[in-house]
Amino acid sequence: MSAWLWRFEKSDGTEVEPAVAPDEFTTQGDAESWIGEHWKDLLAGGADQVHLFEDTTKIYGPMSLHAETGAEADGGSGSDSGAEQAEA
């Protein structure tokens, strides 16, 4: 059975301990649901971005935990950050 793991980093790629200890995830959906629920606490605790791994294989990342403002998102359209999209 695969283990789905998050790596938590500062914006410069330095690994940091998460402010919220992650569960052990057996599916990608469970891991993504968890990050959608906890990304604000992780950001407040010092993580700027995350990577998702299936065992030792990187699936994606870095994904910023910073919400985009209207001015930063596609011409001010108010698009959500990757973390907010994982919430949906």
C-alpha atoms as a PDB file:
ATOM      1  CA  MET A   1       0.000   0.000   0.000  1.00  0.00           C
ATOM      2  CA  SER A   2       1.319   3.445  -0.906  1.00  0.00           C
ATOM      3  CA  ALA A   3       1.988   6.145   1.636  1.00  0.00           C
ATOM      4  CA  TRP A   4       1.212   9.715   0.638  1.00  0.00           C
ATOM      5  CA  LEU A   5       3.496  12.278   2.260  1.00  0.00           C
ATOM      6  CA  TRP A   6       3.832  16.054   2.341  1.00  0.00           C
ATOM      7  CA  ARG A   7       7.176  17.864   2.438  1.00  0.00           C
ATOM      8  CA  PHE A   8       6.964  21.317   4.042  1.00  0.00           C
ATOM      9  CA  GLU A   9       9.378  24.064   2.996  1.00  0.00           C
ATOM     10  CA  LYS A  10      10.246  27.732   3.300  1.00  0.00           C
ATOM     11  CA  SER A  11      10.108  29.658   0.013  1.00  0.00           C
ATOM     12  CA  ASP A  12      13.843  29.016  -0.493  1.00  0.00           C
ATOM     13  CA  GLY A  13      13.307  25.224  -0.430  1.00  0.00           C
ATOM     14  CA  THR A  14      14.575  24.662   3.111  1.00  0.00           C
ATOM     15  CA  GLU A  15      12.599  21.876   4.775  1.00  0.00           C
ATOM     16  CA  VAL A  16      10.691  22.905   7.931  1.00  0.00           C
ATOM     17  CA  GLU A  17       8.719  21.043  10.573  1.00  0.00           C
ATOM     18  CA  PRO A  18       4.972  21.513  10.046  1.00  0.00           C
ATOM     19  CA  ALA A  19       2.962  23.449  12.644  1.00  0.00           C
ATOM     20  CA  VAL A  20       0.312  20.703  12.389  1.00  0.00           C
ATOM     21  CA  ALA A  21       1.494  17.091  12.379  1.00  0.00           C
ATOM     22  CA  PRO A  22       0.157  15.355   9.276  1.00  0.00           C
ATOM     23  CA  ASP A  23      -1.773  12.106   9.436  1.00  0.00           C
ATOM     24  CA  GLU A  24      -0.630   8.976   7.637  1.00  0.00           C
ATOM     25  CA  PHE A  25      -2.409   9.073   4.285  1.00  0.00           C
ATOM     26  CA  THR A  26      -3.280   6.002   2.217  1.00  0.00           C
ATOM     27  CA  THR A  27      -4.772   7.953  -0.719  1.00  0.00           C
ATOM     28  CA  GLN A  28      -3.896  11.104  -2.605  1.00  0.00           C
ATOM     29  CA  GLY A  29      -7.390  12.436  -1.941  1.00  0.00           C
ATOM     30  CA  ASP A  30      -6.967  12.080   1.822  1.00  0.00           C
ATOM     31  CA  ALA A  31      -3.621  13.900   1.695  1.00  0.00           C
ATOM     32  CA  GLU A  32      -5.080  16.712  -0.421  1.00  0.00           C
ATOM     33  CA  SER A  33      -8.146  17.044   1.803  1.00  0.00           C
ATOM     34  CA  TRP A  34      -5.871  17.365   4.829  1.00  0.00           C
ATOM     35  CA  ILE A  35      -3.763  20.123   3.231  1.00  0.00           C
ATOM     36  CA  GLY A  36      -6.984  21.918   2.257  1.00  0.00           C
ATOM     37  CA  GLU A  37      -8.088  21.882   5.890  1.00  0.00           C
ATOM     38  CA  HIS A  38      -4.738  22.882   7.448  1.00  0.00           C
ATOM     39  CA  TRP A  39      -2.900  25.111   4.957  1.00  0.00           C
ATOM     40  CA  LYS A  40      -3.560  28.339   6.905  1.00  0.00           C
ATOM     41  CA  ASP A  41      -2.128  26.870  10.125  1.00  0.00           C
ATOM     42  CA  LEU A  42       0.861  25.481   8.217  1.00  0.00           C
ATOM     43  CA  LEU A  43       1.499  28.887   6.647  1.00  0.00           C
ATOM     44  CA  ALA A  44       1.192  30.644  10.022  1.00  0.00           C
ATOM     45  CA  GLY A  45       3.636  28.099  11.454  1.00  0.00           C
ATOM     46  CA  GLY A  46       6.372  28.916   8.955  1.00  0.00           C
ATOM     47  CA  ALA A  47       5.798  26.717   5.887  1.00  0.00           C
ATOM     48  CA  ASP A  48       5.553  28.598   2.592  1.00  0.00           C
ATOM     49  CA  GLN A  49       5.150  25.699   0.167  1.00  0.00           C
ATOM     50  CA  VAL A  50       4.569  21.961   0.018  1.00  0.00           C
ATOM     51  CA  HIS A  51       5.397  18.990  -2.192  1.00  0.00           C
ATOM     52  CA  LEU A  52       3.305  15.808  -2.382  1.00  0.00           C
ATOM     53  CA  PHE A  53       5.021  12.418  -2.599  1.00  0.00           C
ATOM     54  CA  GLU A  54       3.718   8.904  -3.145  1.00  0.00           C
ATOM     55  CA  ASP A  55       6.286   6.937  -1.173  1.00  0.00           C
ATOM     56  CA  THR A  56       9.528   8.370  -2.614  1.00  0.00           C
ATOM     57  CA  THR A  57       8.057   9.588  -5.936  1.00  0.00           C
ATOM     58  CA  LYS A  58       7.344  13.310  -6.168  1.00  0.00           C
ATOM     59  CA  ILE A  59       3.819  13.827  -7.531  1.00  0.00           C
ATOM     60  CA  TYR A  60       3.802  17.630  -7.572  1.00  0.00           C
ATOM     61  CA  GLY A  61       5.216  20.715  -5.957  1.00  0.00           C
ATOM     62  CA  PRO A  62       6.230  23.135  -4.924  1.00  0.00           C
ATOM     63  CA  MET A  63       2.710  24.376  -4.271  1.00  0.00           C
ATOM     64  CA  SER A  64       2.521  27.721  -2.507  1.00  0.00           C
ATOM     65  CA  LEU A  65       0.474  28.032   0.674  1.00  0.00           C
ATOM     66  CA  HIS A  66       0.152  31.787   0.133  1.00  0.00           C
ATOM     67  CA  ALA A  67      -3.250  32.919  -1.128  1.00  0.00           C
ATOM     68  CA  GLU A  68      -3.046  35.057  -4.240  1.00  0.00           C
ATOM     69  CA  THR A  69      -4.528  38.533  -4.052  1.00  0.00           C
ATOM     70  CA  GLY A  70      -6.699  39.852  -6.863  1.00  0.00           C
ATOM     71  CA  ALA A  71      -3.790  41.902  -8.237  1.00  0.00           C
ATOM     72  CA  GLU A  72      -1.521  38.842  -8.413  1.00  0.00           C
ATOM     73  CA  ALA A  73      -4.033  36.435  -9.912  1.00  0.00           C
ATOM     74  CA  ASP A  74      -4.697  36.395 -13.656  1.00  0.00           C
ATOM     75  CA  GLY A  75      -5.327  40.064 -14.235  1.00  0.00           C
ATOM     76  CA  GLY A  76      -7.155  40.515 -10.953  1.00  0.00           C
ATOM     77  CA  SER A  77      -9.744  37.809 -11.542  1.00  0.00           C
ATOM     78  CA  GLY A  78      -9.474  36.645  -7.922  1.00  0.00           C
ATOM     79  CA  SER A  79      -8.262  33.134  -8.764  1.00  0.00           C
ATOM     80  CA  ASP A  80      -7.558  30.882  -5.805  1.00  0.00           C
ATOM     81  CA  SER A  81      -4.126  29.592  -4.838  1.00  0.00           C
ATOM     82  CA  GLY A  82      -3.265  25.935  -5.284  1.00  0.00           C
ATOM     83  CA  ALA A  83      -3.896  25.309  -1.592  1.00  0.00           C
ATOM     84  CA  GLU A  84      -7.363  26.813  -1.815  1.00  0.00           C
ATOM     85  CA  GLN A  85      -8.129  24.729  -4.898  1.00  0.00           C
ATOM     86  CA  ALA A  86      -7.135  21.591  -2.982  1.00  0.00           C
ATOM     87  CA  GLU A  87      -9.860  22.537  -0.506  1.00  0.00           C
ATOM     88  CA  ALA A  88     -12.591  22.283  -3.140  1.00  0.00           C
END
